[in-house]
Each structure stands twice: as structure tokens, then as C-alpha cells.
Amino acid sequence: TKELPWDKADLNVLLPRSQWVRWGIEGVGQ
């Protein structure tokens, strides 16, 4: 999405996949 907590975009930050989905992230192809 256009707005995310960008500081969380880091390989050292692991969050449940459900959290990314709640923030509006969608899979490509599935």
C-alpha cells in the first residue's frame, strides 16, 4: 500500500504474515 510503517521494512524485523496482510499487503499470483 502507499502508506506503511516503513521502518518495519527490514530483514531484521520479523512480524507475523497476518500483520502484513492487515496492513494491506497482497500477494502477487496467489
All heavy atoms as atom14 arrays in JSON, in Angstrom:
{
  "sequence": "TKELPWDKADLNVLLPRSQWVRWGIEGVGQ",
  "atom14_mask": [
    [1, 1, 1, 1, 1, 1, 1, 0, 0, 0, 0, 0, 0, 0],
    [1, 1, 1, 1, 1, 1, 1, 1, 1, 0, 0, 0, 0, 0],
    [1, 1, 1, 1, 1, 1, 1, 1, 1, 0, 0, 0, 0, 0],
    [1, 1, 1, 1, 1, 1, 1, 1, 0, 0, 0, 0, 0, 0],
    [1, 1, 1, 1, 1, 1, 1, 0, 0, 0, 0, 0, 0, 0],
    [1, 1, 1, 1, 1, 1, 1, 1, 1, 1, 1, 1, 1, 1],
    [1, 1, 1, 1, 1, 1, 1, 1, 0, 0, 0, 0, 0, 0],
    [1, 1, 1, 1, 1, 1, 1, 1, 1, 0, 0, 0, 0, 0],
    [1, 1, 1, 1, 1, 0, 0, 0, 0, 0, 0, 0, 0, 0],
    [1, 1, 1, 1, 1, 1, 1, 1, 0, 0, 0, 0, 0, 0],
    [1, 1, 1, 1, 1, 1, 1, 1, 0, 0, 0, 0, 0, 0],
    [1, 1, 1, 1, 1, 1, 1, 1, 0, 0, 0, 0, 0, 0],
    [1, 1, 1, 1, 1, 1, 1, 0, 0, 0, 0, 0, 0, 0],
    [1, 1, 1, 1, 1, 1, 1, 1, 0, 0, 0, 0, 0, 0],
    [1, 1, 1, 1, 1, 1, 1, 1, 0, 0, 0, 0, 0, 0],
    [1, 1, 1, 1, 1, 1, 1, 0, 0, 0, 0, 0, 0, 0],
    [1, 1, 1, 1, 1, 1, 1, 1, 1, 1, 1, 0, 0, 0],
    [1, 1, 1, 1, 1, 1, 0, 0, 0, 0, 0, 0, 0, 0],
    [1, 1, 1, 1, 1, 1, 1, 1, 1, 0, 0, 0, 0, 0],
    [1, 1, 1, 1, 1, 1, 1, 1, 1, 1, 1, 1, 1, 1],
    [1, 1, 1, 1, 1, 1, 1, 0, 0, 0, 0, 0, 0, 0],
    [1, 1, 1, 1, 1, 1, 1, 1, 1, 1, 1, 0, 0, 0],
    [1, 1, 1, 1, 1, 1, 1, 1, 1, 1, 1, 1, 1, 1],
    [1, 1, 1, 1, 0, 0, 0, 0, 0, 0, 0, 0, 0, 0],
    [1, 1, 1, 1, 1, 1, 1, 1, 0, 0, 0, 0, 0, 0],
    [1, 1, 1, 1, 1, 1, 1, 1, 1, 0, 0, 0, 0, 0],
    [1, 1, 1, 1, 0, 0, 0, 0, 0, 0, 0, 0, 0, 0],
    [1, 1, 1, 1, 1, 1, 1, 0, 0, 0, 0, 0, 0, 0],
    [1, 1, 1, 1, 0, 0, 0, 0, 0, 0, 0, 0, 0, 0],
    [1, 1, 1, 1, 1, 1, 1, 1, 1, 0, 0, 0, 0, 0]
  ],
  "atom14_positions": [
    [[0.84, -1.18, 0.0], [0.0, 0.0, 0.0], [0.89, 1.25, 0.0], [2.09, 1.17, 0.2], [-0.9, 0.01, 1.25], [-0.08, -0.02, 2.41], [-1.81, -1.2, 1.25], [0.0, 0.0, 0.0], [0.0, 0.0, 0.0], [0.0, 0.0, 0.0], [0.0, 0.0, 0.0], [0.0, 0.0, 0.0], [0.0, 0.0, 0.0], [0.0, 0.0, 0.0]],
    [[0.27, 2.39, -0.21], [1.04, 3.62, -0.27], [1.56, 4.05, 1.09], [2.54, 4.78, 1.19], [0.19, 4.74, -0.89], [-0.1, 4.54, -2.37], [-0.84, 5.73, -2.95], [-1.08, 5.54, -4.44], [-1.8, 6.7, -5.04], [0.0, 0.0, 0.0], [0.0, 0.0, 0.0], [0.0, 0.0, 0.0], [0.0, 0.0, 0.0], [0.0, 0.0, 0.0]],
    [[0.89, 3.62, 2.14], [1.3, 4.04, 3.48], [1.52, 2.8, 4.34], [0.61, 2.0, 4.55], [0.24, 4.94, 4.11], [0.07, 6.27, 3.41], [1.34, 7.1, 3.39], [2.16, 6.98, 4.33], [1.53, 7.85, 2.43], [0.0, 0.0, 0.0], [0.0, 0.0, 0.0], [0.0, 0.0, 0.0], [0.0, 0.0, 0.0], [0.0, 0.0, 0.0]],
    [[2.72, 2.66, 4.82], [3.09, 1.58, 5.72], [4.05, 2.15, 6.76], [4.67, 3.2, 6.54], [3.79, 0.45, 4.96], [2.93, -0.56, 4.19], [3.82, -1.45, 3.35], [2.12, -1.41, 5.16], [0.0, 0.0, 0.0], [0.0, 0.0, 0.0], [0.0, 0.0, 0.0], [0.0, 0.0, 0.0], [0.0, 0.0, 0.0], [0.0, 0.0, 0.0]],
    [[4.21, 1.48, 7.91], [5.3, 1.86, 8.81], [6.63, 1.44, 8.19], [7.11, 0.33, 8.41], [4.97, 1.08, 10.09], [4.14, -0.07, 9.65], [3.39, 0.39, 8.44], [0.0, 0.0, 0.0], [0.0, 0.0, 0.0], [0.0, 0.0, 0.0], [0.0, 0.0, 0.0], [0.0, 0.0, 0.0], [0.0, 0.0, 0.0], [0.0, 0.0, 0.0]],
    [[7.19, 2.33, 7.37], [8.32, 1.95, 6.53], [9.53, 1.47, 7.32], [10.36, 0.71, 6.81], [8.7, 3.12, 5.62], [7.61, 3.53, 4.71], [6.9, 4.69, 4.73], [7.03, 2.74, 3.65], [5.93, 4.7, 3.76], [5.99, 3.51, 3.06], [7.28, 1.47, 3.13], [5.22, 3.06, 2.01], [6.52, 1.02, 2.08], [5.51, 1.79, 1.52]],
    [[9.63, 1.92, 8.57], [10.78, 1.49, 9.38], [10.71, -0.01, 9.67], [11.71, -0.61, 10.09], [10.85, 2.27, 10.69], [9.6, 2.11, 11.53], [8.49, 2.32, 10.99], [9.72, 1.78, 12.72], [0.0, 0.0, 0.0], [0.0, 0.0, 0.0], [0.0, 0.0, 0.0], [0.0, 0.0, 0.0], [0.0, 0.0, 0.0], [0.0, 0.0, 0.0]],
    [[9.56, -0.63, 9.44], [9.43, -2.08, 9.64], [9.94, -2.87, 8.43], [10.04, -4.09, 8.48], [7.97, -2.46, 9.91], [7.34, -1.74, 11.1], [8.06, -2.08, 12.39], [7.35, -1.42, 13.58], [8.1, -1.62, 14.85], [0.0, 0.0, 0.0], [0.0, 0.0, 0.0], [0.0, 0.0, 0.0], [0.0, 0.0, 0.0], [0.0, 0.0, 0.0]],
    [[10.21, -2.17, 7.32], [10.7, -2.83, 6.11], [12.19, -3.11, 6.29], [13.05, -2.36, 5.83], [10.44, -1.97, 4.88], [0.0, 0.0, 0.0], [0.0, 0.0, 0.0], [0.0, 0.0, 0.0], [0.0, 0.0, 0.0], [0.0, 0.0, 0.0], [0.0, 0.0, 0.0], [0.0, 0.0, 0.0], [0.0, 0.0, 0.0], [0.0, 0.0, 0.0]],
    [[12.49, -4.21, 6.94], [13.87, -4.51, 7.34], [13.98, -6.01, 7.54], [13.12, -6.62, 8.19], [14.2, -3.76, 8.64], [15.68, -3.79, 8.98], [16.3, -4.86, 8.88], [16.2, -2.73, 9.38], [0.0, 0.0, 0.0], [0.0, 0.0, 0.0], [0.0, 0.0, 0.0], [0.0, 0.0, 0.0], [0.0, 0.0, 0.0], [0.0, 0.0, 0.0]],
    [[15.03, -6.63, 7.0], [15.19, -8.08, 7.17], [15.39, -8.47, 8.62], [15.22, -9.64, 8.98], [16.35, -8.59, 6.32], [16.07, -8.7, 4.82], [17.33, -9.14, 4.09], [14.93, -9.65, 4.53], [0.0, 0.0, 0.0], [0.0, 0.0, 0.0], [0.0, 0.0, 0.0], [0.0, 0.0, 0.0], [0.0, 0.0, 0.0], [0.0, 0.0, 0.0]],
    [[15.76, -7.52, 9.44], [15.92, -7.81, 10.87], [14.6, -7.7, 11.64], [14.56, -7.98, 12.83], [16.95, -6.87, 11.49], [18.34, -7.13, 10.97], [18.75, -8.28, 10.83], [19.07, -6.07, 10.65], [0.0, 0.0, 0.0], [0.0, 0.0, 0.0], [0.0, 0.0, 0.0], [0.0, 0.0, 0.0], [0.0, 0.0, 0.0], [0.0, 0.0, 0.0]],
    [[13.53, -7.27, 10.96], [12.21, -7.14, 11.59], [11.33, -8.27, 11.08], [10.98, -8.31, 9.9], [11.57, -5.78, 11.29], [10.16, -5.71, 11.86], [12.44, -4.64, 11.84], [0.0, 0.0, 0.0], [0.0, 0.0, 0.0], [0.0, 0.0, 0.0], [0.0, 0.0, 0.0], [0.0, 0.0, 0.0], [0.0, 0.0, 0.0], [0.0, 0.0, 0.0]],
    [[10.98, -9.19, 11.95], [10.1, -10.31, 11.62], [8.75, -10.1, 12.29], [8.69, -9.92, 13.51], [10.72, -11.63, 12.08], [11.86, -12.21, 11.23], [12.58, -13.3, 12.0], [11.32, -12.77, 9.92], [0.0, 0.0, 0.0], [0.0, 0.0, 0.0], [0.0, 0.0, 0.0], [0.0, 0.0, 0.0], [0.0, 0.0, 0.0], [0.0, 0.0, 0.0]],
    [[7.68, -10.1, 11.5], [6.33, -9.96, 12.02], [5.47, -11.09, 11.46], [5.76, -11.63, 10.39], [5.74, -8.61, 11.6], [6.44, -7.36, 12.16], [5.87, -6.11, 11.5], [6.3, -7.29, 13.66], [0.0, 0.0, 0.0], [0.0, 0.0, 0.0], [0.0, 0.0, 0.0], [0.0, 0.0, 0.0], [0.0, 0.0, 0.0], [0.0, 0.0, 0.0]],
    [[4.4, -11.45, 12.14], [3.51, -12.48, 11.6], [2.98, -12.06, 10.22], [2.68, -10.89, 9.99], [2.39, -12.56, 12.62], [2.97, -12.01, 13.89], [3.95, -10.96, 13.46], [0.0, 0.0, 0.0], [0.0, 0.0, 0.0], [0.0, 0.0, 0.0], [0.0, 0.0, 0.0], [0.0, 0.0, 0.0], [0.0, 0.0, 0.0], [0.0, 0.0, 0.0]],
    [[2.86, -13.01, 9.32], [2.34, -12.69, 8.0], [0.97, -12.03, 8.1], [0.62, -11.17, 7.27], [2.28, -13.96, 7.15], [1.93, -13.72, 5.71], [2.41, -14.83, 4.78], [2.04, -16.17, 5.24], [2.37, -17.29, 4.58], [3.08, -17.22, 3.46], [2.0, -18.47, 5.04], [0.0, 0.0, 0.0], [0.0, 0.0, 0.0], [0.0, 0.0, 0.0]],
    [[0.21, -12.4, 9.1], [-1.12, -11.8, 9.27], [-1.04, -10.3, 9.5], [-1.95, -9.55, 9.1], [-1.84, -12.47, 10.44], [-1.09, -12.35, 11.65], [0.0, 0.0, 0.0], [0.0, 0.0, 0.0], [0.0, 0.0, 0.0], [0.0, 0.0, 0.0], [0.0, 0.0, 0.0], [0.0, 0.0, 0.0], [0.0, 0.0, 0.0], [0.0, 0.0, 0.0]],
    [[0.04, -9.83, 10.13], [0.18, -8.4, 10.36], [0.39, -7.66, 9.04], [-0.19, -6.6, 8.8], [1.35, -8.12, 11.3], [1.59, -6.63, 11.57], [0.41, -5.97, 12.24], [0.09, -6.25, 13.39], [-0.28, -5.08, 11.51], [0.0, 0.0, 0.0], [0.0, 0.0, 0.0], [0.0, 0.0, 0.0], [0.0, 0.0, 0.0], [0.0, 0.0, 0.0]],
    [[1.21, -8.23, 8.17], [1.43, -7.61, 6.87], [0.12, -7.58, 6.08], [-0.17, -6.59, 5.4], [2.51, -8.36, 6.09], [3.85, -8.37, 6.76], [4.52, -9.43, 7.27], [4.71, -7.23, 6.98], [5.73, -9.05, 7.81], [5.87, -7.69, 7.64], [4.61, -5.87, 6.69], [6.92, -6.86, 8.01], [5.66, -5.03, 7.05], [6.78, -5.53, 7.71]],
    [[-0.66, -8.64, 6.17], [-1.95, -8.68, 5.48], [-2.88, -7.6, 6.03], [-3.59, -6.92, 5.27], [-2.58, -10.09, 5.61], [-4.02, -10.08, 5.07], [-1.75, -11.13, 4.87], [0.0, 0.0, 0.0], [0.0, 0.0, 0.0], [0.0, 0.0, 0.0], [0.0, 0.0, 0.0], [0.0, 0.0, 0.0], [0.0, 0.0, 0.0], [0.0, 0.0, 0.0]],
    [[-2.89, -7.42, 7.36], [-3.73, -6.38, 7.96], [-3.33, -5.0, 7.48], [-4.17, -4.09, 7.38], [-3.67, -6.45, 9.49], [-4.51, -7.57, 10.09], [-4.71, -7.36, 11.58], [-3.47, -7.47, 12.34], [-2.98, -8.6, 12.82], [-3.63, -9.75, 12.59], [-1.86, -8.62, 13.5], [0.0, 0.0, 0.0], [0.0, 0.0, 0.0], [0.0, 0.0, 0.0]],
    [[-2.06, -4.81, 7.18], [-1.6, -3.52, 6.68], [-1.86, -3.36, 5.19], [-1.45, -2.37, 4.59], [-0.11, -3.34, 6.98], [0.16, -2.94, 8.4], [-0.68, -2.27, 9.23], [1.36, -3.16, 9.14], [-0.07, -2.05, 10.46], [1.18, -2.59, 10.43], [2.58, -3.78, 8.86], [2.17, -2.62, 11.43], [3.56, -3.8, 9.85], [3.36, -3.23, 11.12]],
    [[-2.52, -4.32, 4.59], [-2.94, -4.17, 3.2], [-2.02, -4.77, 2.18], [-2.22, -4.58, 0.96], [0.0, 0.0, 0.0], [0.0, 0.0, 0.0], [0.0, 0.0, 0.0], [0.0, 0.0, 0.0], [0.0, 0.0, 0.0], [0.0, 0.0, 0.0], [0.0, 0.0, 0.0], [0.0, 0.0, 0.0], [0.0, 0.0, 0.0], [0.0, 0.0, 0.0]],
    [[-0.99, -5.51, 2.62], [-0.08, -6.14, 1.66], [-0.77, -7.35, 1.03], [-1.39, -8.16, 1.71], [1.24, -6.53, 2.36], [2.03, -5.26, 2.68], [2.05, -7.47, 1.51], [3.34, -5.51, 3.37], [0.0, 0.0, 0.0], [0.0, 0.0, 0.0], [0.0, 0.0, 0.0], [0.0, 0.0, 0.0], [0.0, 0.0, 0.0], [0.0, 0.0, 0.0]],
    [[-0.63, -7.46, -0.3], [-1.26, -8.54, -1.04], [-0.23, -9.35, -1.81], [0.78, -8.79, -2.28], [-2.3, -7.98, -2.03], [-3.42, -7.2, -1.38], [-4.36, -6.61, -2.42], [-3.96, -6.54, -3.6], [-5.47, -6.21, -2.04], [0.0, 0.0, 0.0], [0.0, 0.0, 0.0], [0.0, 0.0, 0.0], [0.0, 0.0, 0.0], [0.0, 0.0, 0.0]],
    [[-0.48, -10.63, -1.96], [0.4, -11.47, -2.76], [0.21, -11.22, -4.24], [-0.84, -10.77, -4.69], [0.0, 0.0, 0.0], [0.0, 0.0, 0.0], [0.0, 0.0, 0.0], [0.0, 0.0, 0.0], [0.0, 0.0, 0.0], [0.0, 0.0, 0.0], [0.0, 0.0, 0.0], [0.0, 0.0, 0.0], [0.0, 0.0, 0.0], [0.0, 0.0, 0.0]],
    [[1.27, -11.49, -5.0], [1.21, -11.41, -6.46], [1.17, -12.84, -6.99], [2.11, -13.61, -6.8], [2.44, -10.67, -7.02], [2.44, -10.72, -8.55], [2.47, -9.23, -6.53], [0.0, 0.0, 0.0], [0.0, 0.0, 0.0], [0.0, 0.0, 0.0], [0.0, 0.0, 0.0], [0.0, 0.0, 0.0], [0.0, 0.0, 0.0], [0.0, 0.0, 0.0]],
    [[0.07, -13.18, -7.63], [-0.07, -14.53, -8.18], [-0.75, -15.5, -7.25], [-1.21, -16.56, -7.68], [0.0, 0.0, 0.0], [0.0, 0.0, 0.0], [0.0, 0.0, 0.0], [0.0, 0.0, 0.0], [0.0, 0.0, 0.0], [0.0, 0.0, 0.0], [0.0, 0.0, 0.0], [0.0, 0.0, 0.0], [0.0, 0.0, 0.0], [0.0, 0.0, 0.0]],
    [[-0.81, -15.18, -5.97], [-1.53, -16.03, -5.03], [-1.87, -15.21, -3.79], [-1.22, -14.21, -3.48], [-0.7, -17.25, -4.62], [0.6, -16.92, -3.91], [1.37, -18.18, -3.5], [0.9, -19.29, -3.69], [2.54, -17.98, -2.92], [0.0, 0.0, 0.0], [0.0, 0.0, 0.0], [0.0, 0.0, 0.0], [0.0, 0.0, 0.0], [0.0, 0.0, 0.0]]
  ]
}
